[in-house]
C-alpha atoms as a PDB file:
ATOM      1  CA  UNK A   1      80.175 -60.398  57.626  1.00  0.00           C
ATOM      2  CA  UNK A   2      81.818 -59.155  54.316  1.00  0.00           C
ATOM      3  CA  UNK A   3      78.916 -60.512  52.245  1.00  0.00           C
ATOM      4  CA  UNK A   4      76.526 -58.561  54.568  1.00  0.00           C
ATOM      5  CA  UNK A   5      78.425 -55.272  53.369  1.00  0.00           C
ATOM      6  CA  UNK A   6      78.578 -56.178  49.828  1.00  0.00           C
ATOM      7  CA  UNK A   7      75.156 -56.887  49.477  1.00  0.00           C
ATOM      8  CA  UNK A   8      73.652 -53.959  52.223  1.00  0.00           C
ATOM      9  CA  UNK A   9      75.582 -51.210  49.453  1.00  0.00           C
ATOM     10  CA  UNK A  10      73.577 -52.928  47.294  1.00  0.00           C
ATOM     11  CA  UNK A  11      75.170 -55.705  44.579  1.00  0.00           C
ATOM     12  CA  UNK A  12      72.732 -57.390  43.621  1.00  0.00           C
ATOM     13  CA  UNK A  13      74.181 -59.571  40.532  1.00  0.00           C
ATOM     14  CA  UNK A  14      72.725 -62.882  39.747  1.00  0.00           C
ATOM     15  CA  UNK A  15      76.566 -64.470  40.622  1.00  0.00           C
ATOM     16  CA  UNK A  16      76.766 -62.521  43.378  1.00  0.00           C
ATOM     17  CA  UNK A  17      72.911 -63.319  44.813  1.00  0.00           C
ATOM     18  CA  UNK A  18      73.410 -66.667  44.198  1.00  0.00           C
ATOM     19  CA  UNK A  19      77.007 -66.959  46.267  1.00  0.00           C
ATOM     20  CA  UNK A  20      75.367 -64.248  49.042  1.00  0.00           C
ATOM     21  CA  UNK A  21      71.605 -67.342  49.476  1.00  0.00           C
ATOM     22  CA  UNK A  22      73.838 -70.459  49.490  1.00  0.00           C
ATOM     23  CA  UNK A  23      76.934 -69.163  51.618  1.00  0.00           C
ATOM     24  CA  UNK A  24      73.271 -68.026  54.689  1.00  0.00           C
ATOM     25  CA  UNK A  25      72.025 -71.059  53.334  1.00  0.00           C
ATOM     26  CA  UNK A  26      75.178 -73.528  54.632  1.00  0.00           C
ATOM     27  CA  UNK A  27      75.520 -70.820  58.230  1.00  0.00           C
ATOM     28  CA  UNK A  28      71.557 -71.473  58.617  1.00  0.00           C
ATOM     29  CA  UNK A  29      71.070 -68.014  58.464  1.00  0.00           C
ATOM     30  CA  UNK A  30      67.497 -68.905  57.772  1.00  0.00           C
ATOM     31  CA  UNK A  31      65.440 -65.229  57.792  1.00  0.00           C
ATOM     32  CA  UNK A  32      68.691 -63.714  56.067  1.00  0.00           C
ATOM     33  CA  UNK A  33      68.394 -66.175  53.412  1.00  0.00           C
ATOM     34  CA  UNK A  34      64.186 -65.924  53.761  1.00  0.00           C
ATOM     35  CA  UNK A  35      65.137 -62.046  53.363  1.00  0.00           C
ATOM     36  CA  UNK A  36      67.417 -61.530  50.742  1.00  0.00           C
ATOM     37  CA  UNK A  37      64.890 -63.813  48.563  1.00  0.00           C
ATOM     38  CA  UNK A  38      61.794 -61.371  49.078  1.00  0.00           C
ATOM     39  CA  UNK A  39      64.487 -58.429  48.037  1.00  0.00           C
ATOM     40  CA  UNK A  40      64.410 -60.948  44.725  1.00  0.00           C
ATOM     41  CA  UNK A  41      61.360 -62.044  44.579  1.00  0.00           C
ATOM     42  CA  UNK A  42      59.122 -58.992  45.825  1.00  0.00           C
ATOM     43  CA  UNK A  43      55.908 -58.412  44.519  1.00  0.00           C
ATOM     44  CA  UNK A  44      56.496 -56.383  41.083  1.00  0.00           C
ATOM     45  CA  UNK A  45      58.985 -58.925  40.551  1.00  0.00           C
ATOM     46  CA  UNK A  46      58.397 -59.526  35.925  1.00  0.00           C
ATOM     47  CA  UNK A  47      57.728 -63.359  37.056  1.00  0.00           C
ATOM     48  CA  UNK A  48      58.731 -64.220  32.768  1.00  0.00           C
ATOM     49  CA  UNK A  49      61.777 -63.154  34.667  1.00  0.00           C
ATOM     50  CA  UNK A  50      62.325 -67.302  35.761  1.00  0.00           C
ATOM     51  CA  UNK A  51      62.615 -67.925  32.264  1.00  0.00           C
ATOM     52  CA  UNK A  52      66.230 -67.195  33.203  1.00  0.00           C
ATOM     53  CA  UNK A  53      68.347 -69.514  34.014  1.00  0.00           C
ATOM     54  CA  UNK A  54      70.042 -67.395  36.853  1.00  0.00           C
ATOM     55  CA  UNK A  55      66.688 -66.648  38.065  1.00  0.00           C
ATOM     56  CA  UNK A  56      64.996 -69.924  37.896  1.00  0.00           C
ATOM     57  CA  UNK A  57      68.356 -71.435  39.432  1.00  0.00           C
ATOM     58  CA  UNK A  58      67.323 -69.470  42.826  1.00  0.00           C
ATOM     59  CA  UNK A  59      63.288 -69.850  42.967  1.00  0.00           C
ATOM     60  CA  UNK A  60      64.294 -74.147  41.780  1.00  0.00           C
ATOM     61  CA  UNK A  61      67.418 -73.960  45.013  1.00  0.00           C
ATOM     62  CA  UNK A  62      65.870 -72.041  47.155  1.00  0.00           C
ATOM     63  CA  UNK A  63      62.459 -70.685  47.396  1.00  0.00           C
ATOM     64  CA  UNK A  64      60.678 -73.685  49.834  1.00  0.00           C
ATOM     65  CA  UNK A  65      56.900 -71.742  49.152  1.00  0.00           C
ATOM     66  CA  UNK A  66      54.427 -73.937  47.563  1.00  0.00           C
ATOM     67  CA  UNK A  67      52.352 -71.250  46.829  1.00  0.00           C
ATOM     68  CA  UNK A  68      54.278 -68.169  46.121  1.00  0.00           C
ATOM     69  CA  UNK A  69      53.849 -65.956  42.821  1.00  0.00           C
ATOM     70  CA  UNK A  70      56.611 -68.193  41.408  1.00  0.00           C
ATOM     71  CA  UNK A  71      55.815 -71.499  42.206  1.00  0.00           C
ATOM     72  CA  UNK A  72      52.373 -70.498  40.355  1.00  0.00           C
ATOM     73  CA  UNK A  73      54.532 -68.997  37.330  1.00  0.00           C
ATOM     74  CA  UNK A  74      55.883 -72.508  37.126  1.00  0.00           C
ATOM     75  CA  UNK A  75      52.934 -74.436  37.596  1.00  0.00           C
ATOM     76  CA  UNK A  76      50.962 -72.552  35.104  1.00  0.00           C
ATOM     77  CA  UNK A  77      53.873 -72.440  32.197  1.00  0.00           C
ATOM     78  CA  UNK A  78      55.077 -75.776  33.272  1.00  0.00           C
ATOM     79  CA  UNK A  79      55.371 -77.353  29.937  1.00  0.00           C
ATOM     80  CA  UNK A  80      57.212 -73.801  29.511  1.00  0.00           C
ATOM     81  CA  UNK A  81      59.207 -74.840  32.236  1.00  0.00           C
ATOM     82  CA  UNK A  82      60.000 -78.395  31.030  1.00  0.00           C
ATOM     83  CA  UNK A  83      61.254 -77.287  27.637  1.00  0.00           C
ATOM     84  CA  UNK A  84      64.281 -74.385  28.689  1.00  0.00           C
ATOM     85  CA  UNK A  85      65.435 -76.678  31.195  1.00  0.00           C
ATOM     86  CA  UNK A  86      65.294 -80.002  30.069  1.00  0.00           C
ATOM     87  CA  UNK A  87      64.113 -82.735  31.498  1.00  0.00           C
ATOM     88  CA  UNK A  88      60.537 -82.496  32.861  1.00  0.00           C
ATOM     89  CA  UNK A  89      61.560 -84.870  36.074  1.00  0.00           C
ATOM     90  CA  UNK A  90      63.364 -81.650  37.702  1.00  0.00           C
ATOM     91  CA  UNK A  91      60.376 -79.128  37.435  1.00  0.00           C
ATOM     92  CA  UNK A  92      57.948 -81.629  38.337  1.00  0.00           C
ATOM     93  CA  UNK A  93      60.668 -82.808  41.306  1.00  0.00           C
ATOM     94  CA  UNK A  94      60.710 -79.205  42.102  1.00  0.00           C
ATOM     95  CA  UNK A  95      56.997 -78.606  42.740  1.00  0.00           C
ATOM     96  CA  UNK A  96      56.602 -82.318  44.195  1.00  0.00           C
ATOM     97  CA  UNK A  97      59.603 -81.285  46.464  1.00  0.00           C
ATOM     98  CA  UNK A  98      56.900 -77.976  47.792  1.00  0.00           C
ATOM     99  CA  UNK A  99      54.175 -79.970  48.575  1.00  0.00           C
ATOM    100  CA  UNK A 100      54.803 -82.053  50.003  1.00  0.00           C
END
């Protein structure tokens, strides 16, 4: 797969990562998708980066863990995320969806 080769060679720009993760998601390659997400949201990932729209988009679309560092950070800073991304419903909906 050409995308896998590009990822393996070190391509990490956010547009590519979004496309790659979406492709893995559509293809049902859940384990590979999780591996890529763990590489993005690694243990030293600066959680303040979630305030950037691109990282928010990756998190809000693909992170499925109700107890990830990212989710806990969003919960602790929910007012700021609502301020940035407009709709209280979209931020709260993400957290509620993870709690199901």
